[in-house]
Amino acid sequence: MLVLTTPNIEGKHISTYHGLVSGEAILGANIFKDIFASIRDIVGGRSEAYEQELQKAKAIAIEEMCSQAQSLGANAVISVDLDYETITMGNSNMLMVAASGTAVTCQ
């Protein structure tokens, strides 16, 4: 499945527009990751635990979006947009990634 942020595919002709497709992923970061991330925020540096969770959520959201596009008969998704949010629930943080785009068939 071809996944692009651009509205067209260079060198290809889009024959069918199947419509909007999307995928979402919400992952919780455990309490130990939260504590170590807080320490990193204070002393500086990157939080590898959160970066790994964010990459995992992004992959899940894109995979879900592509699966939806494939079920519509598409072979590409164009104009893809990724949105990131942090959701706080009590003492716990959740990472949310949403991927959306237009499912198309190109030749």
PDB file of N, CA and C in Angstrom:
ATOM      1  N   MET A   1       0.858  -1.175   0.000  1.00  0.00           N
ATOM      2  CA  MET A   1       0.000   0.000   0.000  1.00  0.00           C
ATOM      3  C   MET A   1       0.900   1.233   0.000  1.00  0.00           C
ATOM      4  N   LEU A   2       0.698   2.094  -0.961  1.00  0.00           N
ATOM      5  CA  LEU A   2       1.442   3.344  -1.055  1.00  0.00           C
ATOM      6  C   LEU A   2       0.768   4.376  -0.153  1.00  0.00           C
ATOM      7  N   VAL A   3       1.539   5.015   0.724  1.00  0.00           N
ATOM      8  CA  VAL A   3       1.005   6.004   1.666  1.00  0.00           C
ATOM      9  C   VAL A   3       1.777   7.296   1.475  1.00  0.00           C
ATOM     10  N   LEU A   4       1.067   8.355   1.087  1.00  0.00           N
ATOM     11  CA  LEU A   4       1.714   9.637   0.775  1.00  0.00           C
ATOM     12  C   LEU A   4       1.029  10.807   1.475  1.00  0.00           C
ATOM     13  N   THR A   5       1.817  11.822   1.802  1.00  0.00           N
ATOM     14  CA  THR A   5       1.241  13.049   2.356  1.00  0.00           C
ATOM     15  C   THR A   5       0.818  14.015   1.250  1.00  0.00           C
ATOM     16  N   THR A   6       1.227  13.749   0.017  1.00  0.00           N
ATOM     17  CA  THR A   6       0.896  14.630  -1.107  1.00  0.00           C
ATOM     18  C   THR A   6      -0.484  14.287  -1.666  1.00  0.00           C
ATOM     19  N   PRO A   7      -1.131  15.243  -2.353  1.00  0.00           N
ATOM     20  CA  PRO A   7      -2.476  14.998  -2.886  1.00  0.00           C
ATOM     21  C   PRO A   7      -2.497  14.253  -4.218  1.00  0.00           C
ATOM     22  N   ASN A   8      -1.327  13.952  -4.776  1.00  0.00           N
ATOM     23  CA  ASN A   8      -1.272  13.204  -6.030  1.00  0.00           C
ATOM     24  C   ASN A   8      -0.069  12.273  -6.006  1.00  0.00           C
ATOM     25  N   ILE A   9       0.009  11.419  -7.005  1.00  0.00           N
ATOM     26  CA  ILE A   9       1.093  10.447  -7.089  1.00  0.00           C
ATOM     27  C   ILE A   9       1.828  10.710  -8.395  1.00  0.00           C
ATOM     28  N   GLU A  10       3.022  11.215  -8.279  1.00  0.00           N
ATOM     29  CA  GLU A  10       3.799  11.586  -9.462  1.00  0.00           C
ATOM     30  C   GLU A  10       4.001  10.365 -10.370  1.00  0.00           C
ATOM     31  N   GLY A  11       3.681  10.563 -11.654  1.00  0.00           N
ATOM     32  CA  GLY A  11       3.851   9.497 -12.633  1.00  0.00           C
ATOM     33  C   GLY A  11       2.717   8.487 -12.669  1.00  0.00           C
ATOM     34  N   LYS A  12       1.724   8.662 -11.814  1.00  0.00           N
ATOM     35  CA  LYS A  12       0.580   7.730 -11.769  1.00  0.00           C
ATOM     36  C   LYS A  12      -0.713   8.507 -12.013  1.00  0.00           C
ATOM     37  N   HIS A  13      -1.705   7.795 -12.512  1.00  0.00           N
ATOM     38  CA  HIS A  13      -3.040   8.365 -12.723  1.00  0.00           C
ATOM     39  C   HIS A  13      -3.982   7.789 -11.672  1.00  0.00           C
ATOM     40  N   ILE A  14      -4.675   8.656 -10.947  1.00  0.00           N
ATOM     41  CA  ILE A  14      -5.657   8.203  -9.965  1.00  0.00           C
ATOM     42  C   ILE A  14      -6.963   7.942 -10.710  1.00  0.00           C
ATOM     43  N   SER A  15      -7.383   6.675 -10.715  1.00  0.00           N
ATOM     44  CA  SER A  15      -8.582   6.307 -11.465  1.00  0.00           C
ATOM     45  C   SER A  15      -9.846   6.319 -10.610  1.00  0.00           C
ATOM     46  N   THR A  16      -9.701   6.062  -9.300  1.00  0.00           N
ATOM     47  CA  THR A  16     -10.868   6.007  -8.426  1.00  0.00           C
ATOM     48  C   THR A  16     -10.530   6.605  -7.063  1.00  0.00           C
ATOM     49  N   TYR A  17     -11.436   7.450  -6.582  1.00  0.00           N
ATOM     50  CA  TYR A  17     -11.343   7.977  -5.216  1.00  0.00           C
ATOM     51  C   TYR A  17     -12.362   7.211  -4.370  1.00  0.00           C
ATOM     52  N   HIS A  18     -11.889   6.520  -3.352  1.00  0.00           N
ATOM     53  CA  HIS A  18     -12.765   5.709  -2.513  1.00  0.00           C
ATOM     54  C   HIS A  18     -13.260   6.460  -1.279  1.00  0.00           C
ATOM     55  N   GLY A  19     -12.648   7.580  -0.960  1.00  0.00           N
ATOM     56  CA  GLY A  19     -13.101   8.371   0.180  1.00  0.00           C
ATOM     57  C   GLY A  19     -12.129   8.359   1.354  1.00  0.00           C
ATOM     58  N   LEU A  20     -12.577   8.968   2.430  1.00  0.00           N
ATOM     59  CA  LEU A  20     -11.770   9.137   3.633  1.00  0.00           C
ATOM     60  C   LEU A  20     -11.576   7.820   4.363  1.00  0.00           C
ATOM     61  N   VAL A  21     -10.336   7.578   4.790  1.00  0.00           N
ATOM     62  CA  VAL A  21     -10.024   6.431   5.646  1.00  0.00           C
ATOM     63  C   VAL A  21      -9.223   6.951   6.835  1.00  0.00           C
ATOM     64  N   SER A  22      -9.323   6.237   7.944  1.00  0.00           N
ATOM     65  CA  SER A  22      -8.595   6.688   9.134  1.00  0.00           C
ATOM     66  C   SER A  22      -8.231   5.514  10.021  1.00  0.00           C
ATOM     67  N   GLY A  23      -7.298   5.764  10.893  1.00  0.00           N
ATOM     68  CA  GLY A  23      -6.895   4.781  11.881  1.00  0.00           C
ATOM     69  C   GLY A  23      -6.470   5.509  13.135  1.00  0.00           C
ATOM     70  N   GLU A  24      -6.764   4.919  14.267  1.00  0.00           N
ATOM     71  CA  GLU A  24      -6.428   5.546  15.547  1.00  0.00           C
ATOM     72  C   GLU A  24      -5.741   4.536  16.447  1.00  0.00           C
ATOM     73  N   ALA A  25      -4.887   5.052  17.307  1.00  0.00           N
ATOM     74  CA  ALA A  25      -4.245   4.205  18.313  1.00  0.00           C
ATOM     75  C   ALA A  25      -4.087   5.020  19.581  1.00  0.00           C
ATOM     76  N   ILE A  26      -4.507   4.437  20.686  1.00  0.00           N
ATOM     77  CA  ILE A  26      -4.334   5.069  21.998  1.00  0.00           C
ATOM     78  C   ILE A  26      -3.595   4.063  22.865  1.00  0.00           C
ATOM     79  N   LEU A  27      -2.417   4.458  23.319  1.00  0.00           N
ATOM     80  CA  LEU A  27      -1.594   3.572  24.125  1.00  0.00           C
ATOM     81  C   LEU A  27      -1.297   4.221  25.465  1.00  0.00           C
ATOM     82  N   GLY A  28      -1.327   3.429  26.485  1.00  0.00           N
ATOM     83  CA  GLY A  28      -1.002   3.917  27.819  1.00  0.00           C
ATOM     84  C   GLY A  28       0.476   3.736  28.104  1.00  0.00           C
ATOM     85  N   ALA A  29       1.049   4.702  28.762  1.00  0.00           N
ATOM     86  CA  ALA A  29       2.433   4.586  29.221  1.00  0.00           C
ATOM     87  C   ALA A  29       2.368   4.218  30.695  1.00  0.00           C
ATOM     88  N   ASN A  30       3.110   3.193  31.084  1.00  0.00           N
ATOM     89  CA  ASN A  30       2.980   2.724  32.462  1.00  0.00           C
ATOM     90  C   ASN A  30       3.593   3.696  33.464  1.00  0.00           C
ATOM     91  N   ILE A  31       3.335   3.474  34.724  1.00  0.00           N
ATOM     92  CA  ILE A  31       3.734   4.379  35.796  1.00  0.00           C
ATOM     93  C   ILE A  31       5.246   4.579  35.860  1.00  0.00           C
ATOM     94  N   PHE A  32       6.036   3.526  35.600  1.00  0.00           N
ATOM     95  CA  PHE A  32       7.493   3.665  35.663  1.00  0.00           C
ATOM     96  C   PHE A  32       8.007   4.553  34.528  1.00  0.00           C
ATOM     97  N   LYS A  33       7.427   4.407  33.338  1.00  0.00           N
ATOM     98  CA  LYS A  33       7.801   5.266  32.227  1.00  0.00           C
ATOM     99  C   LYS A  33       7.440   6.713  32.545  1.00  0.00           C
ATOM    100  N   ASP A  34       6.255   6.917  33.166  1.00  0.00           N
ATOM    101  CA  ASP A  34       5.831   8.271  33.546  1.00  0.00           C
ATOM    102  C   ASP A  34       6.817   8.894  34.525  1.00  0.00           C
ATOM    103  N   ILE A  35       7.259   8.126  35.507  1.00  0.00           N
ATOM    104  CA  ILE A  35       8.197   8.649  36.511  1.00  0.00           C
ATOM    105  C   ILE A  35       9.521   9.018  35.857  1.00  0.00           C
ATOM    106  N   PHE A  36      10.064   8.110  35.030  1.00  0.00           N
ATOM    107  CA  PHE A  36      11.350   8.395  34.390  1.00  0.00           C
ATOM    108  C   PHE A  36      11.235   9.540  33.390  1.00  0.00           C
ATOM    109  N   ALA A  37      10.103   9.664  32.713  1.00  0.00           N
ATOM    110  CA  ALA A  37       9.903  10.778  31.790  1.00  0.00           C
ATOM    111  C   ALA A  37       9.859  12.094  32.557  1.00  0.00           C
ATOM    112  N   SER A  38       9.235  12.094  33.742  1.00  0.00           N
ATOM    113  CA  SER A  38       9.183  13.305  34.565  1.00  0.00           C
ATOM    114  C   SER A  38      10.582  13.720  34.998  1.00  0.00           C
ATOM    115  N   ILE A  39      11.411  12.739  35.361  1.00  0.00           N
ATOM    116  CA  ILE A  39      12.796  13.046  35.740  1.00  0.00           C
ATOM    117  C   ILE A  39      13.543  13.628  34.546  1.00  0.00           C
ATOM    118  N   ARG A  40      13.347  13.062  33.374  1.00  0.00           N
ATOM    119  CA  ARG A  40      13.995  13.579  32.163  1.00  0.00           C
ATOM    120  C   ARG A  40      13.560  15.012  31.880  1.00  0.00           C
ATOM    121  N   ASP A  41      12.260  15.304  32.113  1.00  0.00           N
ATOM    122  CA  ASP A  41      11.765  16.667  31.904  1.00  0.00           C
ATOM    123  C   ASP A  41      12.490  17.647  32.808  1.00  0.00           C
ATOM    124  N   ILE A  42      12.793  17.225  34.035  1.00  0.00           N
ATOM    125  CA  ILE A  42      13.452  18.106  34.999  1.00  0.00           C
ATOM    126  C   ILE A  42      14.920  18.311  34.639  1.00  0.00           C
ATOM    127  N   VAL A  43      15.632  17.227  34.327  1.00  0.00           N
ATOM    128  CA  VAL A  43      17.068  17.317  34.075  1.00  0.00           C
ATOM    129  C   VAL A  43      17.401  17.485  32.596  1.00  0.00           C
ATOM    130  N   GLY A  44      16.436  17.371  31.735  1.00  0.00           N
ATOM    131  CA  GLY A  44      16.672  17.525  30.298  1.00  0.00           C
ATOM    132  C   GLY A  44      16.943  16.184  29.644  1.00  0.00           C
ATOM    133  N   GLY A  45      16.882  16.166  28.332  1.00  0.00           N
ATOM    134  CA  GLY A  45      17.133  14.933  27.595  1.00  0.00           C
ATOM    135  C   GLY A  45      15.872  14.389  26.975  1.00  0.00           C
ATOM    136  N   ARG A  46      16.060  13.334  26.220  1.00  0.00           N
ATOM    137  CA  ARG A  46      14.953  12.711  25.508  1.00  0.00           C
ATOM    138  C   ARG A  46      14.372  11.568  26.325  1.00  0.00           C
ATOM    139  N   SER A  47      13.090  11.375  26.191  1.00  0.00           N
ATOM    140  CA  SER A  47      12.420  10.270  26.868  1.00  0.00           C
ATOM    141  C   SER A  47      12.251   9.124  25.868  1.00  0.00           C
ATOM    142  N   GLU A  48      13.167   8.173  25.893  1.00  0.00           N
ATOM    143  CA  GLU A  48      13.126   7.051  24.952  1.00  0.00           C
ATOM    144  C   GLU A  48      11.868   6.218  25.117  1.00  0.00           C
ATOM    145  N   ALA A  49      11.390   6.079  26.332  1.00  0.00           N
ATOM    146  CA  ALA A  49      10.186   5.279  26.572  1.00  0.00           C
ATOM    147  C   ALA A  49       8.997   5.881  25.831  1.00  0.00           C
ATOM    148  N   TYR A  50       8.833   7.197  25.936  1.00  0.00           N
ATOM    149  CA  TYR A  50       7.720   7.844  25.245  1.00  0.00           C
ATOM    150  C   TYR A  50       7.919   7.824  23.737  1.00  0.00           C
ATOM    151  N   GLU A  51       9.161   7.996  23.277  1.00  0.00           N
ATOM    152  CA  GLU A  51       9.423   7.958  21.840  1.00  0.00           C
ATOM    153  C   GLU A  51       9.058   6.594  21.261  1.00  0.00           C
ATOM    154  N   GLN A  52       9.392   5.530  21.969  1.00  0.00           N
ATOM    155  CA  GLN A  52       9.056   4.190  21.503  1.00  0.00           C
ATOM    156  C   GLN A  52       7.548   3.969  21.473  1.00  0.00           C
ATOM    157  N   GLU A  53       6.859   4.436  22.495  1.00  0.00           N
ATOM    158  CA  GLU A  53       5.396   4.305  22.529  1.00  0.00           C
ATOM    159  C   GLU A  53       4.755   5.108  21.398  1.00  0.00           C
ATOM    160  N   LEU A  54       5.287   6.297  21.130  1.00  0.00           N
ATOM    161  CA  LEU A  54       4.759   7.142  20.062  1.00  0.00           C
ATOM    162  C   LEU A  54       4.963   6.489  18.704  1.00  0.00           C
ATOM    163  N   GLN A  55       6.131   5.910  18.461  1.00  0.00           N
ATOM    164  CA  GLN A  55       6.401   5.214  17.204  1.00  0.00           C
ATOM    165  C   GLN A  55       5.472   4.010  17.038  1.00  0.00           C
ATOM    166  N   LYS A  56       5.249   3.304  18.125  1.00  0.00           N
ATOM    167  CA  LYS A  56       4.357   2.145  18.107  1.00  0.00           C
ATOM    168  C   LYS A  56       2.926   2.574  17.773  1.00  0.00           C
ATOM    169  N   ALA A  57       2.455   3.644  18.398  1.00  0.00           N
ATOM    170  CA  ALA A  57       1.103   4.149  18.143  1.00  0.00           C
ATOM    171  C   ALA A  57       0.960   4.622  16.696  1.00  0.00           C
ATOM    172  N   LYS A  58       1.978   5.290  16.173  1.00  0.00           N
ATOM    173  CA  LYS A  58       1.938   5.767  14.787  1.00  0.00           C
ATOM    174  C   LYS A  58       1.837   4.594  13.820  1.00  0.00           C
ATOM    175  N   ALA A  59       2.622   3.560  14.044  1.00  0.00           N
ATOM    176  CA  ALA A  59       2.595   2.382  13.176  1.00  0.00           C
ATOM    177  C   ALA A  59       1.222   1.708  13.203  1.00  0.00           C
ATOM    178  N   ILE A  60       0.624   1.598  14.380  1.00  0.00           N
ATOM    179  CA  ILE A  60      -0.700   0.988  14.511  1.00  0.00           C
ATOM    180  C   ILE A  60      -1.752   1.813  13.772  1.00  0.00           C
ATOM    181  N   ALA A  61      -1.726   3.133  13.942  1.00  0.00           N
ATOM    182  CA  ALA A  61      -2.709   4.013  13.291  1.00  0.00           C
ATOM    183  C   ALA A  61      -2.597   3.936  11.773  1.00  0.00           C
ATOM    184  N   ILE A  62      -1.369   3.943  11.249  1.00  0.00           N
ATOM    185  CA  ILE A  62      -1.179   3.870   9.799  1.00  0.00           C
ATOM    186  C   ILE A  62      -1.608   2.504   9.269  1.00  0.00           C
ATOM    187  N   GLU A  63      -1.270   1.447   9.997  1.00  0.00           N
ATOM    188  CA  GLU A  63      -1.668   0.094   9.585  1.00  0.00           C
ATOM    189  C   GLU A  63      -3.188  -0.038   9.547  1.00  0.00           C
ATOM    190  N   GLU A  64      -3.865   0.506  10.542  1.00  0.00           N
ATOM    191  CA  GLU A  64      -5.329   0.459  10.587  1.00  0.00           C
ATOM    192  C   GLU A  64      -5.933   1.240   9.419  1.00  0.00           C
ATOM    193  N   MET A  65      -5.364   2.413   9.113  1.00  0.00           N
ATOM    194  CA  MET A  65      -5.840   3.229   7.994  1.00  0.00           C
ATOM    195  C   MET A  65      -5.660   2.474   6.676  1.00  0.00           C
ATOM    196  N   CYS A  66      -4.505   1.847   6.482  1.00  0.00           N
ATOM    197  CA  CYS A  66      -4.229   1.097   5.257  1.00  0.00           C
ATOM    198  C   CYS A  66      -5.149  -0.109   5.117  1.00  0.00           C
ATOM    199  N   SER A  67      -5.436  -0.768   6.219  1.00  0.00           N
ATOM    200  CA  SER A  67      -6.344  -1.911   6.206  1.00  0.00           C
ATOM    201  C   SER A  67      -7.740  -1.483   5.749  1.00  0.00           C
ATOM    202  N   GLN A  68      -8.181  -0.339   6.249  1.00  0.00           N
ATOM    203  CA  GLN A  68      -9.482   0.189   5.854  1.00  0.00           C
ATOM    204  C   GLN A  68      -9.483   0.528   4.359  1.00  0.00           C
ATOM    205  N   ALA A  69      -8.399   1.135   3.872  1.00  0.00           N
ATOM    206  CA  ALA A  69      -8.295   1.489   2.454  1.00  0.00           C
ATOM    207  C   ALA A  69      -8.304   0.241   1.585  1.00  0.00           C
ATOM    208  N   GLN A  70      -7.576  -0.782   2.006  1.00  0.00           N
ATOM    209  CA  GLN A  70      -7.510  -2.024   1.251  1.00  0.00           C
ATOM    210  C   GLN A  70      -8.883  -2.694   1.167  1.00  0.00           C
ATOM    211  N   SER A  71      -9.653  -2.616   2.242  1.00  0.00           N
ATOM    212  CA  SER A  71     -10.992  -3.216   2.237  1.00  0.00           C
ATOM    213  C   SER A  71     -11.932  -2.502   1.266  1.00  0.00           C
ATOM    214  N   LEU A  72     -11.599  -1.255   0.914  1.00  0.00           N
ATOM    215  CA  LEU A  72     -12.390  -0.505  -0.068  1.00  0.00           C
ATOM    216  C   LEU A  72     -11.910  -0.756  -1.498  1.00  0.00           C
ATOM    217  N   GLY A  73     -10.822  -1.511  -1.645  1.00  0.00           N
ATOM    218  CA  GLY A  73     -10.281  -1.796  -2.972  1.00  0.00           C
ATOM    219  C   GLY A  73      -9.207  -0.820  -3.414  1.00  0.00           C
ATOM    220  N   ALA A  74      -8.721   0.005  -2.529  1.00  0.00           N
ATOM    221  CA  ALA A  74      -7.695   0.994  -2.861  1.00  0.00           C
ATOM    222  C   ALA A  74      -6.304   0.360  -2.852  1.00  0.00           C
ATOM    223  N   ASN A  75      -5.388   0.978  -3.597  1.00  0.00           N
ATOM    224  CA  ASN A  75      -4.000   0.527  -3.553  1.00  0.00           C
ATOM    225  C   ASN A  75      -3.053   1.644  -3.095  1.00  0.00           C
ATOM    226  N   ALA A  76      -3.647   2.770  -2.658  1.00  0.00           N
ATOM    227  CA  ALA A  76      -2.849   3.884  -2.137  1.00  0.00           C
ATOM    228  C   ALA A  76      -3.716   4.769  -1.245  1.00  0.00           C
ATOM    229  N   VAL A  77      -3.044   5.507  -0.375  1.00  0.00           N
ATOM    230  CA  VAL A  77      -3.718   6.520   0.449  1.00  0.00           C
ATOM    231  C   VAL A  77      -2.931   7.814   0.259  1.00  0.00           C
ATOM    232  N   ILE A  78      -3.630   8.867  -0.161  1.00  0.00           N
ATOM    233  CA  ILE A  78      -2.981  10.156  -0.409  1.00  0.00           C
ATOM    234  C   ILE A  78      -3.450  11.191   0.615  1.00  0.00           C
ATOM    235  N   SER A  79      -2.750  12.313   0.646  1.00  0.00           N
ATOM    236  CA  SER A  79      -3.077  13.429   1.555  1.00  0.00           C
ATOM    237  C   SER A  79      -3.153  12.975   3.005  1.00  0.00           C
ATOM    238  N   VAL A  80      -2.231  12.115   3.407  1.00  0.00           N
ATOM    239  CA  VAL A  80      -2.235  11.569   4.767  1.00  0.00           C
ATOM    240  C   VAL A  80      -1.829  12.645   5.772  1.00  0.00           C
ATOM    241  N   ASP A  81      -2.563  12.692   6.871  1.00  0.00           N
ATOM    242  CA  ASP A  81      -2.292  13.617   7.961  1.00  0.00           C
ATOM    243  C   ASP A  81      -2.197  12.806   9.249  1.00  0.00           C
ATOM    244  N   LEU A  82      -1.189  13.115  10.055  1.00  0.00           N
ATOM    245  CA  LEU A  82      -1.028  12.464  11.355  1.00  0.00           C
ATOM    246  C   LEU A  82      -1.251  13.493  12.451  1.00  0.00           C
ATOM    247  N   ASP A  83      -2.071  13.143  13.419  1.00  0.00           N
ATOM    248  CA  ASP A  83      -2.332  14.012  14.568  1.00  0.00           C
ATOM    249  C   ASP A  83      -1.916  13.287  15.836  1.00  0.00           C
ATOM    250  N   TYR A  84      -1.289  14.032  16.744  1.00  0.00           N
ATOM    251  CA  TYR A  84      -0.799  13.471  18.005  1.00  0.00           C
ATOM    252  C   TYR A  84      -1.430  14.213  19.168  1.00  0.00           C
ATOM    253  N   GLU A  85      -1.833  13.488  20.183  1.00  0.00           N
ATOM    254  CA  GLU A  85      -2.409  14.084  21.390  1.00  0.00           C
ATOM    255  C   GLU A  85      -1.951  13.307  22.615  1.00  0.00           C
ATOM    256  N   THR A  86      -1.906  13.984  23.745  1.00  0.00           N
ATOM    257  CA  THR A  86      -1.689  13.336  25.031  1.00  0.00           C
ATOM    258  C   THR A  86      -2.975  13.476  25.820  1.00  0.00           C
ATOM    259  N   ILE A  87      -3.455  12.372  26.332  1.00  0.00           N
ATOM    260  CA  ILE A  87      -4.678  12.366  27.122  1.00  0.00           C
ATOM    261  C   ILE A  87      -4.291  11.991  28.545  1.00  0.00           C
ATOM    262  N   THR A  88      -4.686  12.814  29.506  1.00  0.00           N
ATOM    263  CA  THR A  88      -4.405  12.525  30.906  1.00  0.00           C
ATOM    264  C   THR A  88      -5.670  12.004  31.564  1.00  0.00           C
ATOM    265  N   MET A  89      -5.548  10.838  32.175  1.00  0.00           N
ATOM    266  CA  MET A  89      -6.679  10.228  32.884  1.00  0.00           C
ATOM    267  C   MET A  89      -6.207   9.899  34.294  1.00  0.00           C
ATOM    268  N   GLY A  90      -6.615  10.698  35.256  1.00  0.00           N
ATOM    269  CA  GLY A  90      -6.146  10.509  36.626  1.00  0.00           C
ATOM    270  C   GLY A  90      -4.667  10.797  36.714  1.00  0.00           C
ATOM    271  N   ASN A  91      -3.878   9.819  37.163  1.00  0.00           N
ATOM    272  CA  ASN A  91      -2.430   9.976  37.257  1.00  0.00           C
ATOM    273  C   ASN A  91      -1.706   9.356  36.069  1.00  0.00           C
ATOM    274  N   SER A  92      -2.438   8.953  35.062  1.00  0.00           N
ATOM    275  CA  SER A  92      -1.866   8.229  33.934  1.00  0.00           C
ATOM    276  C   SER A  92      -1.991   9.039  32.646  1.00  0.00           C
ATOM    277  N   ASN A  93      -0.972   8.934  31.809  1.00  0.00           N
ATOM    278  CA  ASN A  93      -0.992   9.598  30.505  1.00  0.00           C
ATOM    279  C   ASN A  93      -1.211   8.560  29.410  1.00  0.00           C
ATOM    280  N   MET A  94      -2.000   8.929  28.425  1.00  0.00           N
ATOM    281  CA  MET A  94      -2.243   8.085  27.267  1.00  0.00           C
ATOM    282  C   MET A  94      -1.751   8.853  26.042  1.00  0.00           C
ATOM    283  N   LEU A  95      -1.178   8.130  25.096  1.00  0.00           N
ATOM    284  CA  LEU A  95      -0.728   8.724  23.846  1.00  0.00           C
ATOM    285  C   LEU A  95      -1.715   8.341  22.759  1.00  0.00           C
ATOM    286  N   MET A  96      -2.180   9.343  21.992  1.00  0.00           N
ATOM    287  CA  MET A  96      -3.111   9.064  20.914  1.00  0.00           C
ATOM    288  C   MET A  96      -2.523   9.541  19.599  1.00  0.00           C
ATOM    289  N   VAL A  97      -2.588   8.684  18.597  1.00  0.00           N
ATOM    290  CA  VAL A  97      -2.182   9.049  17.247  1.00  0.00           C
ATOM    291  C   VAL A  97      -3.345   8.729  16.325  1.00  0.00           C
ATOM    292  N   ALA A  98      -3.698   9.682  15.469  1.00  0.00           N
ATOM    293  CA  ALA A  98      -4.749   9.474  14.476  1.00  0.00           C
ATOM    294  C   ALA A  98      -4.152   9.727  13.094  1.00  0.00           C
ATOM    295  N   ALA A  99      -4.383   8.800  12.177  1.00  0.00           N
ATOM    296  CA  ALA A  99      -3.934   8.931  10.798  1.00  0.00           C
ATOM    297  C   ALA A  99      -5.167   8.974   9.912  1.00  0.00           C
ATOM    298  N   SER A 100      -5.198   9.905   8.963  1.00  0.00           N
ATOM    299  CA  SER A 100      -6.329   9.971   8.036  1.00  0.00           C
ATOM    300  C   SER A 100      -5.827  10.370   6.650  1.00  0.00           C
ATOM    301  N   GLY A 101      -6.553   9.954   5.643  1.00  0.00           N
ATOM    302  CA  GLY A 101      -6.190  10.268   4.271  1.00  0.00           C
ATOM    303  C   GLY A 101      -7.304   9.854   3.331  1.00  0.00           C
ATOM    304  N   THR A 102      -7.033   9.966   2.030  1.00  0.00           N
ATOM    305  CA  THR A 102      -7.998   9.615   0.996  1.00  0.00           C
ATOM    306  C   THR A 102      -7.548   8.331   0.322  1.00  0.00           C
ATOM    307  N   ALA A 103      -8.394   7.324   0.350  1.00  0.00           N
ATOM    308  CA  ALA A 103      -8.102   6.048  -0.300  1.00  0.00           C
ATOM    309  C   ALA A 103      -8.348   6.190  -1.792  1.00  0.00           C
ATOM    310  N   VAL A 104      -7.383   5.743  -2.591  1.00  0.00           N
ATOM    311  CA  VAL A 104      -7.492   5.852  -4.049  1.00  0.00           C
ATOM    312  C   VAL A 104      -6.982   4.582  -4.715  1.00  0.00           C
ATOM    313  N   THR A 105      -7.388   4.421  -5.974  1.00  0.00           N
ATOM    314  CA  THR A 105      -6.805   3.401  -6.833  1.00  0.00           C
ATOM    315  C   THR A 105      -6.041   4.142  -7.915  1.00  0.00           C
ATOM    316  N   CYS A 106      -4.759   3.809  -8.052  1.00  0.00           N
ATOM    317  CA  CYS A 106      -3.936   4.460  -9.080  1.00  0.00           C
ATOM    318  C   CYS A 106      -3.391   3.427 -10.037  1.00  0.00           C
ATOM    319  N   GLN A 107      -3.090   3.909 -11.235  1.00  0.00           N
ATOM    320  CA  GLN A 107      -2.550   3.035 -12.286  1.00  0.00           C
ATOM    321  C   GLN A 107      -1.246   3.599 -12.788  1.00  0.00           C
TER     322      GLN A 107
END
